[in-house]
Amino acid sequence: TMKIILFLAIILISIIAVFCNKTAWPELVGRPGAEAEAIVHEDDASLLVQIIPENSMVTMDYRLDRVRVFVNKEGTIVRAPRVG
């Protein structure tokens, strides 16, 4: 019962986030990772931006306040940064 309510609340928050704010930046793929934080913050200054080497282990939790930016050894973004 409580788990179902929590689950439904998370779904509702996710739906609201999708319709109200930008949630992905596919246009950043191929660009330097160092540029990502400033570009993401132009859209939403409240987001925590994490620059992470590709293939790194990360937690599987979904957070509406976080954007992970995966970069290769050269520092280039290798997949679309997204909220989560």
Protein backbone atom coordinates (compact mmCIF):
# COMPACT_ATOMS: atom_id res chain seq x y z
CA THR A 1 0.00 0.00 0.00
CA MET A 2 2.61 2.57 1.03
CA LYS A 3 5.01 1.23 -1.61
CA ILE A 4 2.33 1.62 -4.26
CA ILE A 5 1.67 5.22 -3.22
CA LEU A 6 5.40 5.99 -3.31
CA PHE A 7 5.75 4.33 -6.71
CA LEU A 8 2.83 6.33 -8.12
CA ALA A 9 4.26 9.54 -6.69
CA ILE A 10 7.60 8.91 -8.42
CA ILE A 11 5.81 8.24 -11.72
CA LEU A 12 3.79 11.45 -11.36
CA ILE A 13 6.88 13.52 -10.58
CA SER A 14 8.66 12.02 -13.59
CA ILE A 15 5.74 12.86 -15.89
CA ILE A 16 5.65 16.44 -14.59
CA ALA A 17 9.41 16.77 -15.09
CA VAL A 18 9.16 15.57 -18.69
CA PHE A 19 6.52 18.13 -19.58
CA CYS A 20 7.95 21.07 -17.64
CA ASN A 21 11.72 20.89 -18.06
CA LYS A 22 14.29 19.67 -20.50
CA THR A 23 15.45 16.19 -19.47
CA ALA A 24 18.06 15.26 -22.10
CA TRP A 25 20.78 17.00 -24.11
CA PRO A 26 21.49 14.83 -27.19
CA GLU A 27 23.03 17.83 -28.94
CA LEU A 28 26.03 17.56 -26.56
CA VAL A 29 27.22 14.19 -27.89
CA GLY A 30 30.63 14.68 -29.49
CA ARG A 31 31.33 17.93 -27.66
CA PRO A 32 33.86 18.41 -24.84
CA GLY A 33 32.54 17.27 -21.47
CA ALA A 34 33.84 20.45 -19.85
CA GLU A 35 31.15 22.43 -21.71
CA ALA A 36 28.28 20.30 -20.45
CA GLU A 37 27.82 21.80 -17.00
CA ALA A 38 27.40 25.35 -18.29
CA ILE A 39 25.02 24.27 -21.05
CA VAL A 40 22.87 22.15 -18.72
CA HIS A 41 22.78 24.95 -16.15
CA GLU A 42 21.51 27.36 -18.82
CA ASP A 43 18.40 25.17 -18.97
CA ASP A 44 18.15 24.37 -15.25
CA ALA A 45 20.61 25.81 -12.74
CA SER A 46 19.33 23.54 -9.96
CA LEU A 47 20.65 20.34 -11.56
CA LEU A 48 23.75 18.57 -10.24
CA VAL A 49 25.98 17.78 -13.23
CA GLN A 50 28.43 14.89 -12.87
CA ILE A 51 31.21 14.28 -15.42
CA ILE A 52 31.94 10.54 -15.41
CA PRO A 53 34.36 8.41 -17.47
CA GLU A 54 32.47 6.06 -19.81
CA ASN A 55 32.02 2.48 -18.55
CA SER A 56 32.39 3.62 -14.93
CA MET A 57 30.25 1.91 -12.32
CA VAL A 58 27.48 4.17 -11.04
CA THR A 59 24.52 3.74 -8.73
CA MET A 60 21.22 2.77 -10.36
CA ASP A 61 19.07 5.23 -8.41
CA TYR A 62 16.97 7.67 -10.41
CA ARG A 63 17.29 11.29 -9.31
CA LEU A 64 15.41 14.19 -10.85
CA ASP A 65 18.11 16.61 -9.68
CA ARG A 66 21.08 14.93 -11.39
CA VAL A 67 22.53 14.79 -14.89
CA ARG A 68 25.37 12.40 -15.62
CA VAL A 69 27.70 13.26 -18.49
CA PHE A 70 29.72 10.28 -19.71
CA VAL A 71 32.99 11.12 -21.45
CA ASN A 72 35.71 9.09 -23.17
CA LYS A 73 39.44 9.29 -22.44
CA GLU A 74 39.71 12.41 -24.59
CA GLY A 75 36.99 14.12 -22.55
CA THR A 76 34.38 13.96 -25.33
CA ILE A 77 30.74 13.26 -24.45
CA VAL A 78 29.86 9.78 -25.69
CA ARG A 79 26.11 9.56 -24.95
CA ALA A 80 23.30 12.01 -24.44
CA PRO A 81 23.34 13.48 -20.93
CA ARG A 82 19.96 13.07 -19.25
CA VAL A 83 18.22 13.65 -15.97
CA GLY A 84 18.28 10.61 -13.76
